Amino acid sequence: MGACCSCSSFPLCGWRCLKSNKGPRSSDLENRGGENDIKWPCFREFKLDELRAATGGFSVENVVSEHGEKAPNVVYKGKLADGDRLIAVKRFNKSAWPDTRQFLDEAKAVGQLRSQRLANLLGCCCEGDERLLVAEFMSNETLSKHLFHWESQPLKWGMRLRVALYLAQALEYCSSKGRSLYHDLNAYRVLFDQDCNPRLSCFGLMKNSRDGKSYSTNLAFTPPEYMKTGRIIAESTIYSFGTILLDLLSGKHIPPSHALDLVREKNFQMLMDSCLEGHFSNDDGSELVKIASRCLQYEPRERPNAKSVATSLTTLQKQMEVSSLVLMEITHEPPTANATETNLLSPFGEACSRMDLTAIHEMLEKVGYKDDEGVPNELSFQVWTSPLQDALNGRKRGDAAFQAKDFNAAIESYTTFIENGAMISPTVYARRCLCYLMNNKAQEALGDAMQAQVTSPDWATALYLQAAALFSLGMENDAREMLKDGSTLEAKTKRN
């Protein structure tokens, strides 16, 4: 398979040159969070029976929020009978909204907002003493879960910066629509959609029955003005945003007063999450601390507005073209129609589909060179003695580093082997491809996987590695196509 374009840097010019004219998906960051071309359903009033059926009779099994005496307003997961759309249904305590008109007016006002940065309000229900809100369902849980209660890995620095920016953009959008007050902004209010993009829950935009006088978080985290007046104002929302920045920096819920003391004493490194060590620059960390400290100023008038914060956070984004799914390392579940394709994948193909780099490493190491003994370059064959020996030594050093998981050293040795030119080895390209993936160099990894395929057109491993590299680049559709091609090639090889 050869190049289909005149790009002189083949194969490093990218997948588009080899496969099609499709480039990477537009960056998630291009959307500023306002209205756009997405078709959202209009806000409407639901019947109580309709929501009861959607949630299985408000079944405990469908509860997706904390509940009990301390959190009497329960959120349920549901599915409407007239389609596949999943919804989140918030059912209020019966005493929360005694004024029916106030509830309907508030819900309709919030329901006019439509943004990719919000988990948008789709409707409400007001029958008898029942008060319910219906919003888009976010399938990948809360910031609190991913930041404080993670199981396999901490939230990456790049994703933390994206959460901060998207949240600031959500607040900027709401402010531009006259909804600058957000009640009890915290890590539970930041949700992740099916593409792992962070969104702000619309529920906190609803005023409550006491018109902004209540504030439910721990007093150590409440804005100073609430402590003095019992009320919150627009600037209080920015203060709460500052506490979320502290959460993102530290991976813990640190009281703002304690954090500011550390900042004043120039001990802000004490704030940083130890899990992030080596994964961010001190300049970026310092800048995020500065933004947080501005948001946490004692005097409300000294805090920045949401637009200013969003502008500052935009300059910190270094992975604009990487999808949130990749940053979160969550594999997007394929549509049901593709289930058969997924079931046909080999263990290696499965590992590439879920971006399990550790499993890919183990399998590449085990397979060795049994499918590839290293093809001598015909032009060099007659003078093979010294060049060939040098090449073999370079490959041997690369293999030792690969086995020891010293991926930088492996890249260096494999590069020496490839540049020597005495031998051509698709396995070396495959191994160097994985080393590049381990070093977050997806474009270089894609180039090596493509060269492995050029060298060995019937080797499904090369196709699967291309899929892994495409996933890393955020090119989900092309990656899925490549998995399918790899599966088809494997089936064909077995038949032969």
Protein backbone atom coordinates (compact mmCIF):
# COMPACT_ATOMS: atom_id res chain seq x y z
CA MET A 1 0.00 0.00 0.00
CA GLY A 2 1.54 3.29 -1.04
CA ALA A 3 0.93 6.94 -0.46
CA CYS A 4 -2.06 8.49 -2.15
CA CYS A 5 -0.76 12.03 -2.03
CA SER A 6 2.39 13.92 -2.80
CA CYS A 7 3.18 14.71 0.82
CA SER A 8 6.92 14.36 1.19
CA SER A 9 6.69 13.37 4.85
CA PHE A 10 4.80 10.12 4.23
CA PRO A 11 3.91 8.30 6.39
CA LEU A 12 4.14 10.93 9.12
CA CYS A 13 1.81 13.26 7.24
CA GLY A 14 -1.03 11.37 8.92
CA TRP A 15 -3.89 9.00 8.30
CA ARG A 16 -5.72 11.39 5.99
CA CYS A 17 -3.05 11.01 3.29
CA LEU A 18 -3.30 7.21 3.21
CA LYS A 19 -6.93 6.38 3.82
CA SER A 20 -9.22 9.26 2.88
CA ASN A 21 -9.69 12.98 2.84
CA LYS A 22 -11.09 13.01 6.36
CA GLY A 23 -9.04 14.95 8.88
CA PRO A 24 -9.22 14.82 12.64
CA ARG A 25 -12.45 15.85 14.26
CA SER A 26 -12.69 19.53 15.04
CA SER A 27 -11.41 20.32 18.49
CA ASP A 28 -13.75 20.14 21.42
CA LEU A 29 -12.34 23.53 22.37
CA GLU A 30 -13.63 25.25 19.25
CA ASN A 31 -17.10 25.33 20.79
CA ARG A 32 -17.36 28.20 23.18
CA GLY A 33 -20.42 26.72 24.85
CA GLY A 34 -23.14 28.93 23.41
CA GLU A 35 -25.99 28.09 21.09
CA ASN A 36 -25.00 26.16 17.99
CA ASP A 37 -26.39 23.91 15.27
CA ILE A 38 -27.19 20.98 17.57
CA LYS A 39 -30.92 20.25 17.59
CA TRP A 40 -32.12 20.08 21.17
CA PRO A 41 -35.75 19.32 21.98
CA CYS A 42 -37.79 22.27 23.15
CA PHE A 43 -38.56 22.65 26.83
CA ARG A 44 -41.92 21.09 27.73
CA GLU A 45 -44.06 20.06 30.63
CA PHE A 46 -44.19 16.31 31.34
CA LYS A 47 -46.98 14.28 32.89
CA LEU A 48 -46.24 12.66 36.23
CA ASP A 49 -47.27 9.24 34.89
CA GLU A 50 -44.85 9.70 31.99
CA LEU A 51 -41.92 10.29 34.35
CA ARG A 52 -43.04 7.55 36.72
CA ALA A 53 -42.94 5.08 33.82
CA ALA A 54 -39.58 6.41 32.60
CA THR A 55 -37.94 5.82 35.99
CA GLY A 56 -39.51 2.44 36.74
CA GLY A 57 -41.86 3.92 39.32
CA PHE A 58 -39.06 6.06 40.79
CA SER A 59 -37.22 2.86 41.57
CA VAL A 60 -34.33 2.92 44.04
CA GLU A 61 -32.34 1.03 41.40
CA ASN A 62 -32.52 4.10 39.16
CA VAL A 63 -31.26 6.58 41.77
CA VAL A 64 -28.07 8.28 40.55
CA SER A 65 -27.57 10.87 43.30
CA GLU A 66 -27.00 10.88 47.01
CA HIS A 67 -30.28 10.61 48.84
CA GLY A 68 -31.66 10.40 52.34
CA GLU A 69 -32.53 12.92 55.01
CA LYS A 70 -29.52 15.12 54.23
CA ALA A 71 -30.23 15.14 50.50
CA PRO A 72 -33.98 14.73 50.12
CA ASN A 73 -34.08 15.88 46.47
CA VAL A 74 -33.38 12.68 44.55
CA VAL A 75 -32.16 12.32 40.94
CA TYR A 76 -33.22 9.29 38.92
CA LYS A 77 -32.05 7.87 35.61
CA GLY A 78 -34.87 7.24 33.17
CA LYS A 79 -35.79 6.54 29.56
CA LEU A 80 -38.79 8.04 27.82
CA ALA A 81 -41.24 5.66 26.18
CA ASP A 82 -41.18 7.49 22.83
CA GLY A 83 -37.47 7.02 22.12
CA ASP A 84 -34.01 5.97 23.28
CA ARG A 85 -33.14 9.29 24.96
CA LEU A 86 -31.91 8.86 28.52
CA ILE A 87 -33.00 11.53 30.98
CA ALA A 88 -32.18 12.63 34.51
CA VAL A 89 -35.23 13.33 36.65
CA LYS A 90 -34.85 15.41 39.81
CA ARG A 91 -37.69 14.90 42.26
CA PHE A 92 -37.87 17.59 44.93
CA ASN A 93 -38.88 17.25 48.53
CA LYS A 94 -42.58 18.02 48.74
CA SER A 95 -41.96 21.16 50.81
CA ALA A 96 -39.25 22.61 48.56
CA TRP A 97 -41.48 24.53 46.14
CA PRO A 98 -44.80 25.49 47.74
CA ASP A 99 -45.37 28.20 45.13
CA THR A 100 -46.41 26.46 41.90
CA ARG A 101 -46.06 29.56 39.74
CA GLN A 102 -42.57 30.31 41.03
CA PHE A 103 -41.46 26.77 40.22
CA LEU A 104 -42.86 26.87 36.69
CA ASP A 105 -41.43 30.31 35.97
CA GLU A 106 -37.97 29.30 37.17
CA ALA A 107 -38.00 26.01 35.25
CA LYS A 108 -39.13 27.67 32.02
CA ALA A 109 -36.46 30.37 32.34
CA VAL A 110 -33.65 27.83 32.85
CA GLY A 111 -35.21 25.66 30.12
CA GLN A 112 -34.55 28.39 27.56
CA LEU A 113 -30.79 27.86 27.93
CA ARG A 114 -29.14 25.58 25.41
CA SER A 115 -25.40 24.97 25.46
CA GLN A 116 -22.91 22.18 24.90
CA ARG A 117 -21.37 23.17 28.21
CA LEU A 118 -24.58 22.42 30.14
CA ALA A 119 -26.53 19.31 30.98
CA ASN A 120 -29.57 21.10 29.57
CA LEU A 121 -33.01 21.26 31.18
CA LEU A 122 -35.53 19.53 28.90
CA GLY A 123 -38.70 20.02 30.91
CA CYS A 124 -40.51 19.90 34.22
CA CYS A 125 -43.54 18.42 35.92
CA CYS A 126 -45.83 20.15 38.39
CA GLU A 127 -48.81 18.03 39.46
CA GLY A 128 -50.35 18.29 42.90
CA ASP A 129 -47.50 18.63 45.35
CA GLU A 130 -45.00 16.94 43.01
CA ARG A 131 -42.16 19.08 41.61
CA LEU A 132 -39.81 17.45 39.09
CA LEU A 133 -37.16 18.62 36.63
CA VAL A 134 -36.07 16.68 33.52
CA ALA A 135 -32.56 17.14 32.09
CA GLU A 136 -30.16 15.47 29.69
CA PHE A 137 -28.62 12.37 31.25
CA MET A 138 -24.83 12.37 31.57
CA SER A 139 -23.52 8.83 31.36
CA ASN A 140 -19.96 9.18 32.71
CA GLU A 141 -20.63 10.30 36.28
CA THR A 142 -19.40 13.32 38.21
CA LEU A 143 -16.18 15.24 38.67
CA SER A 144 -16.28 14.18 42.31
CA LYS A 145 -16.13 10.52 41.28
CA HIS A 146 -13.25 10.97 38.81
CA LEU A 147 -11.28 13.37 41.00
CA PHE A 148 -11.74 12.10 44.56
CA HIS A 149 -12.90 8.49 44.22
CA TRP A 150 -11.04 7.19 41.17
CA GLU A 151 -10.34 3.46 41.00
CA SER A 152 -7.77 2.79 38.28
CA GLN A 153 -6.03 6.11 37.61
CA PRO A 154 -6.17 9.78 38.65
CA LEU A 155 -7.64 12.45 36.40
CA LYS A 156 -4.94 13.65 33.99
CA TRP A 157 -3.64 17.21 34.13
CA GLY A 158 -4.86 17.95 30.59
CA MET A 159 -8.35 16.81 31.53
CA ARG A 160 -8.34 18.89 34.70
CA LEU A 161 -7.51 21.97 32.65
CA ARG A 162 -10.32 21.12 30.24
CA VAL A 163 -12.80 20.74 33.09
CA ALA A 164 -11.80 24.18 34.39
CA LEU A 165 -12.18 25.80 30.97
CA TYR A 166 -15.50 24.14 30.06
CA LEU A 167 -16.93 25.02 33.45
CA ALA A 168 -15.83 28.66 33.07
CA GLN A 169 -17.37 28.72 29.59
CA ALA A 170 -20.62 27.32 30.99
CA LEU A 171 -20.74 30.07 33.60
CA GLU A 172 -19.85 32.69 30.98
CA TYR A 173 -22.71 31.50 28.77
CA CYS A 174 -25.21 31.46 31.65
CA SER A 175 -24.12 34.95 32.70
CA SER A 176 -24.63 36.24 29.15
CA LYS A 177 -28.21 34.94 29.34
CA GLY A 178 -28.91 36.62 32.66
CA ARG A 179 -28.38 33.55 34.86
CA SER A 180 -25.13 34.46 36.62
CA LEU A 181 -26.21 33.03 39.99
CA TYR A 182 -25.46 29.33 40.51
CA HIS A 183 -26.44 27.65 43.76
CA ASP A 184 -23.98 25.41 45.57
CA LEU A 185 -21.43 24.96 42.79
CA ASN A 186 -19.25 21.95 43.62
CA ALA A 187 -17.65 18.86 42.09
CA TYR A 188 -20.94 16.94 42.17
CA ARG A 189 -22.45 19.53 39.83
CA VAL A 190 -19.90 18.86 37.06
CA LEU A 191 -20.97 15.89 34.95
CA PHE A 192 -19.40 14.00 32.04
CA ASP A 193 -21.42 13.17 28.93
CA GLN A 194 -21.08 10.12 26.68
CA ASP A 195 -18.03 11.66 24.99
CA CYS A 196 -16.51 12.45 28.40
CA ASN A 197 -16.88 16.18 27.86
CA PRO A 198 -17.51 17.96 31.18
CA ARG A 199 -20.83 19.77 31.54
CA LEU A 200 -22.41 21.86 34.26
CA SER A 201 -25.66 20.56 35.73
CA CYS A 202 -28.59 22.87 34.99
CA PHE A 203 -30.21 22.08 38.35
CA GLY A 204 -28.04 24.58 40.23
CA LEU A 205 -29.36 27.41 38.05
CA MET A 206 -32.79 27.13 39.67
CA LYS A 207 -33.45 29.58 42.45
CA ASN A 208 -34.88 27.86 45.46
CA SER A 209 -37.98 28.73 47.42
CA ARG A 210 -36.07 31.04 49.74
CA ASP A 211 -34.75 33.17 46.89
CA GLY A 212 -31.04 32.62 47.24
CA LYS A 213 -30.87 32.62 51.03
CA SER A 214 -29.85 29.00 51.45
CA TYR A 215 -26.43 27.55 50.78
CA SER A 216 -26.00 23.88 51.45
CA THR A 217 -22.26 23.22 51.35
CA ASN A 218 -20.00 23.01 54.37
CA LEU A 219 -19.49 26.47 55.89
CA ALA A 220 -15.70 26.14 55.38
CA PHE A 221 -16.34 26.44 51.64
CA THR A 222 -19.05 29.10 51.52
CA PRO A 223 -18.35 32.60 50.14
CA PRO A 224 -17.48 35.19 52.82
CA GLU A 225 -20.49 37.35 51.91
CA TYR A 226 -22.83 34.50 52.76
CA MET A 227 -21.35 34.34 56.23
CA LYS A 228 -22.06 38.08 56.66
CA THR A 229 -25.47 38.47 54.99
CA GLY A 230 -26.93 35.00 54.57
CA ARG A 231 -27.23 35.64 50.84
CA ILE A 232 -25.23 34.81 47.75
CA ILE A 233 -24.63 37.07 44.75
CA ALA A 234 -23.24 36.61 41.24
CA GLU A 235 -19.67 36.97 42.54
CA SER A 236 -20.36 34.11 44.95
CA THR A 237 -20.51 31.80 41.94
CA ILE A 238 -16.95 32.79 40.98
CA TYR A 239 -15.82 32.11 44.56
CA SER A 240 -17.31 28.61 44.34
CA PHE A 241 -15.61 28.16 40.96
CA GLY A 242 -12.34 28.97 42.73
CA THR A 243 -12.95 26.13 45.19
CA ILE A 244 -13.37 23.74 42.25
CA LEU A 245 -10.03 24.93 40.85
CA LEU A 246 -8.52 23.99 44.21
CA ASP A 247 -10.14 20.56 43.89
CA LEU A 248 -8.59 20.14 40.44
CA LEU A 249 -5.16 21.25 41.65
CA SER A 250 -5.04 19.12 44.77
CA GLY A 251 -7.27 16.12 44.10
CA LYS A 252 -8.74 16.88 47.54
CA HIS A 253 -11.38 19.21 48.98
CA ILE A 254 -9.18 21.87 50.61
CA PRO A 255 -10.82 24.77 52.51
CA PRO A 256 -10.08 28.02 50.62
CA SER A 257 -8.63 29.76 53.68
CA HIS A 258 -6.05 27.01 54.12
CA ALA A 259 -5.18 27.07 50.41
CA LEU A 260 -4.73 30.84 50.38
CA ASP A 261 -2.43 30.64 53.39
CA LEU A 262 -0.23 28.21 51.46
CA VAL A 263 -0.24 30.50 48.42
CA ARG A 264 0.72 33.55 50.47
CA GLU A 265 3.59 31.59 52.02
CA LYS A 266 4.76 30.55 48.52
CA ASN A 267 4.07 26.92 49.42
CA PHE A 268 1.63 26.31 46.61
CA GLN A 269 3.48 23.11 45.68
CA MET A 270 1.88 21.71 48.83
CA LEU A 271 -1.45 22.18 47.09
CA MET A 272 -0.60 20.05 44.08
CA ASP A 273 -1.88 16.51 43.73
CA SER A 274 1.11 14.17 44.18
CA CYS A 275 -0.39 11.92 41.48
CA LEU A 276 0.37 14.67 38.94
CA GLU A 277 4.08 14.90 39.69
CA GLY A 278 6.05 15.18 36.46
CA HIS A 279 2.94 15.57 34.31
CA PHE A 280 2.63 19.36 34.22
CA SER A 281 4.90 22.38 34.05
CA ASN A 282 5.47 24.55 37.09
CA ASP A 283 4.45 27.57 35.03
CA ASP A 284 1.05 26.04 34.25
CA GLY A 285 0.57 25.00 37.87
CA SER A 286 1.50 28.46 39.11
CA GLU A 287 -0.87 30.13 36.66
CA LEU A 288 -3.80 27.94 37.70
CA VAL A 289 -3.06 28.74 41.36
CA LYS A 290 -3.09 32.46 40.50
CA ILE A 291 -6.46 32.15 38.77
CA ALA A 292 -7.87 30.27 41.76
CA SER A 293 -6.55 32.86 44.22
CA ARG A 294 -8.17 35.67 42.20
CA CYS A 295 -11.51 33.85 42.31
CA LEU A 296 -11.20 33.39 46.08
CA GLN A 297 -10.67 37.04 46.99
CA TYR A 298 -12.49 38.08 50.18
CA GLU A 299 -14.08 41.13 48.57
CA PRO A 300 -16.54 40.14 45.81
CA ARG A 301 -15.64 43.15 43.64
CA GLU A 302 -12.02 41.95 43.45
CA ARG A 303 -12.97 38.64 41.83
CA PRO A 304 -12.81 38.28 38.02
CA ASN A 305 -15.90 37.59 35.93
CA ALA A 306 -16.49 34.30 34.13
CA LYS A 307 -15.41 35.65 30.74
CA SER A 308 -12.06 36.81 32.12
CA VAL A 309 -11.48 33.45 33.78
CA ALA A 310 -12.34 31.54 30.60
CA THR A 311 -9.88 33.68 28.61
CA SER A 312 -7.08 32.99 31.13
CA LEU A 313 -7.79 29.25 31.13
CA THR A 314 -7.81 29.03 27.33
CA THR A 315 -4.12 29.93 27.21
CA LEU A 316 -3.28 26.92 29.41
CA GLN A 317 -4.80 24.32 27.08
CA LYS A 318 -2.04 22.22 25.48
CA GLN A 319 -4.05 19.26 24.14
CA MET A 320 -6.76 20.98 22.17
CA GLU A 321 -6.92 18.33 19.44
CA VAL A 322 -7.15 15.36 21.82
CA SER A 323 -10.66 14.13 22.51
CA SER A 324 -11.94 13.97 26.06
CA LEU A 325 -12.45 10.21 25.66
CA VAL A 326 -8.72 9.82 25.07
CA LEU A 327 -7.77 12.13 27.94
CA MET A 328 -10.04 10.15 30.26
CA GLU A 329 -8.85 6.84 28.73
CA ILE A 330 -12.42 5.65 28.46
CA THR A 331 -13.25 3.61 25.39
CA HIS A 332 -16.40 4.79 23.65
CA GLU A 333 -18.80 1.84 23.53
CA PRO A 334 -19.42 0.93 19.87
CA PRO A 335 -23.00 1.04 18.59
CA THR A 336 -25.03 -2.16 18.85
CA ALA A 337 -24.75 -2.63 15.12
CA ASN A 338 -20.99 -3.03 15.50
CA ALA A 339 -21.19 -5.60 18.30
CA THR A 340 -20.46 -8.45 15.88
CA GLU A 341 -17.33 -6.70 14.64
CA THR A 342 -16.08 -6.20 18.20
CA ASN A 343 -16.71 -9.85 19.07
CA LEU A 344 -14.51 -10.88 16.13
CA LEU A 345 -11.48 -8.99 17.37
CA SER A 346 -8.45 -10.97 18.51
CA PRO A 347 -7.10 -10.34 22.02
CA PHE A 348 -4.59 -7.92 20.47
CA GLY A 349 -7.35 -6.12 18.59
CA GLU A 350 -9.41 -5.91 21.79
CA ALA A 351 -6.45 -4.38 23.64
CA CYS A 352 -6.06 -1.75 20.90
CA SER A 353 -9.80 -0.99 20.92
CA ARG A 354 -9.72 -0.15 24.63
CA MET A 355 -6.26 1.50 24.48
CA ASP A 356 -4.79 -0.95 26.99
CA LEU A 357 -1.15 -0.11 26.31
CA THR A 358 0.14 -2.46 29.00
CA ALA A 359 -1.61 -5.43 27.39
CA ILE A 360 -0.38 -4.37 23.93
CA HIS A 361 3.18 -4.27 25.28
CA GLU A 362 2.91 -7.74 26.79
CA MET A 363 1.54 -9.24 23.56
CA LEU A 364 4.09 -7.55 21.30
CA GLU A 365 6.83 -8.83 23.57
CA LYS A 366 5.50 -12.40 23.58
CA VAL A 367 4.97 -12.63 19.84
CA GLY A 368 8.61 -11.71 19.26
CA TYR A 369 9.68 -11.88 15.64
CA LYS A 370 7.97 -15.12 14.67
CA ASP A 371 5.94 -13.31 12.00
CA ASP A 372 8.96 -11.25 11.00
CA GLU A 373 12.52 -12.47 10.88
CA GLY A 374 13.79 -9.15 9.61
CA VAL A 375 13.90 -8.81 5.84
CA PRO A 376 17.40 -7.94 4.55
CA ASN A 377 17.50 -4.93 2.27
CA GLU A 378 18.47 -6.27 -1.16
CA LEU A 379 20.75 -3.30 -1.86
CA SER A 380 22.68 -3.96 1.31
CA PHE A 381 22.71 -7.72 1.19
CA GLN A 382 25.96 -8.08 -0.72
CA VAL A 383 27.78 -6.02 1.87
CA TRP A 384 25.81 -7.29 4.83
CA THR A 385 28.61 -8.28 7.20
CA SER A 386 29.24 -5.05 9.06
CA PRO A 387 25.98 -3.12 8.40
CA LEU A 388 23.84 -6.15 9.17
CA GLN A 389 25.69 -6.87 12.39
CA ASP A 390 25.32 -3.24 13.47
CA ALA A 391 21.61 -3.40 12.69
CA LEU A 392 21.14 -6.60 14.68
CA ASN A 393 23.01 -5.12 17.64
CA GLY A 394 20.83 -2.01 17.51
CA ARG A 395 17.69 -4.12 17.41
CA LYS A 396 18.94 -6.22 20.31
CA ARG A 397 19.50 -3.09 22.41
CA GLY A 398 16.05 -1.85 21.46
CA ASP A 399 14.46 -5.17 22.45
CA ALA A 400 16.21 -5.12 25.83
CA ALA A 401 14.95 -1.58 26.50
CA PHE A 402 11.46 -2.56 25.26
CA GLN A 403 11.39 -5.52 27.67
CA ALA A 404 12.56 -3.25 30.52
CA LYS A 405 9.86 -0.69 29.58
CA ASP A 406 12.50 1.97 28.99
CA PHE A 407 10.56 3.33 26.04
CA ASN A 408 12.77 6.34 25.33
CA ALA A 409 15.86 4.13 25.06
CA ALA A 410 13.91 1.67 22.90
CA ILE A 411 12.90 4.47 20.51
CA GLU A 412 16.53 5.55 20.20
CA SER A 413 17.84 2.03 19.47
CA TYR A 414 15.01 1.09 17.10
CA THR A 415 15.53 4.38 15.24
CA THR A 416 19.23 3.49 14.81
CA PHE A 417 18.18 0.07 13.45
CA ILE A 418 15.70 1.60 10.98
CA GLU A 419 18.09 4.30 9.78
CA ASN A 420 20.84 1.72 9.27
CA GLY A 421 18.79 0.38 6.35
CA ALA A 422 20.41 -3.06 6.27
CA MET A 423 17.18 -4.76 7.38
CA ILE A 424 13.47 -3.98 7.24
CA SER A 425 11.37 -5.19 10.15
CA PRO A 426 7.63 -4.56 10.58
CA THR A 427 7.93 -5.76 14.18
CA VAL A 428 10.47 -3.03 14.95
CA TYR A 429 8.03 -0.46 13.52
CA ALA A 430 5.25 -1.99 15.64
CA ARG A 431 7.31 -1.88 18.82
CA ARG A 432 8.50 1.65 18.20
CA CYS A 433 4.87 2.58 17.51
CA LEU A 434 3.90 1.43 21.01
CA CYS A 435 6.89 3.27 22.51
CA TYR A 436 5.62 6.45 20.88
CA LEU A 437 2.11 5.84 22.26
CA MET A 438 3.61 5.39 25.72
CA ASN A 439 5.23 8.82 25.27
CA ASN A 440 2.01 10.50 24.04
CA LYS A 441 3.38 10.90 20.51
CA ALA A 442 0.36 9.64 18.62
CA GLN A 443 1.27 11.11 15.22
CA GLU A 444 4.68 9.39 15.23
CA ALA A 445 2.99 6.17 16.40
CA LEU A 446 0.54 6.33 13.50
CA GLY A 447 3.41 6.74 11.05
CA ASP A 448 5.19 3.63 12.36
CA ALA A 449 2.01 1.54 12.30
CA MET A 450 1.44 2.56 8.69
CA GLN A 451 5.04 1.68 7.77
CA ALA A 452 4.58 -1.73 9.42
CA GLN A 453 1.56 -2.28 7.17
CA VAL A 454 3.46 -1.14 4.07
CA THR A 455 6.24 -3.60 4.94
CA SER A 456 3.88 -6.45 5.80
CA PRO A 457 0.46 -5.87 4.14
CA ASP A 458 -1.08 -9.07 5.53
CA TRP A 459 -0.21 -8.37 9.17
CA ALA A 460 -3.36 -7.45 11.11
CA THR A 461 -1.25 -6.20 14.03
CA ALA A 462 -0.26 -3.18 11.95
CA LEU A 463 -3.92 -2.29 11.34
CA TYR A 464 -4.83 -2.65 14.99
CA LEU A 465 -1.92 -0.40 16.01
CA GLN A 466 -3.12 2.19 13.52
CA ALA A 467 -6.49 2.05 15.28
CA ALA A 468 -4.82 2.65 18.65
CA ALA A 469 -2.94 5.65 17.26
CA LEU A 470 -6.12 7.04 15.69
CA PHE A 471 -7.92 6.72 19.02
CA SER A 472 -5.07 8.68 20.60
CA LEU A 473 -5.54 11.40 18.00
CA GLY A 474 -9.26 11.57 18.77
CA MET A 475 -10.23 10.19 15.35
CA GLU A 476 -12.86 7.79 16.65
CA ASN A 477 -14.62 6.95 13.38
CA ASP A 478 -11.42 6.22 11.48
CA ALA A 479 -10.17 4.11 14.39
CA ARG A 480 -13.36 2.03 14.32
CA GLU A 481 -12.96 1.50 10.59
CA MET A 482 -9.39 0.35 11.13
CA LEU A 483 -10.47 -2.15 13.81
CA LYS A 484 -12.96 -3.53 11.33
CA ASP A 485 -10.27 -3.79 8.64
CA GLY A 486 -7.96 -5.60 11.06
CA SER A 487 -10.71 -8.03 12.04
CA THR A 488 -11.54 -8.71 8.37
CA LEU A 489 -7.87 -9.32 7.53
CA GLU A 490 -7.50 -11.74 10.45
CA ALA A 491 -10.56 -13.69 9.36
CA LYS A 492 -9.25 -13.84 5.78
CA THR A 493 -5.83 -15.03 6.98
CA LYS A 494 -7.41 -17.82 9.06
CA ARG A 495 -9.49 -19.00 6.09
CA ASN A 496 -6.35 -19.21 3.96
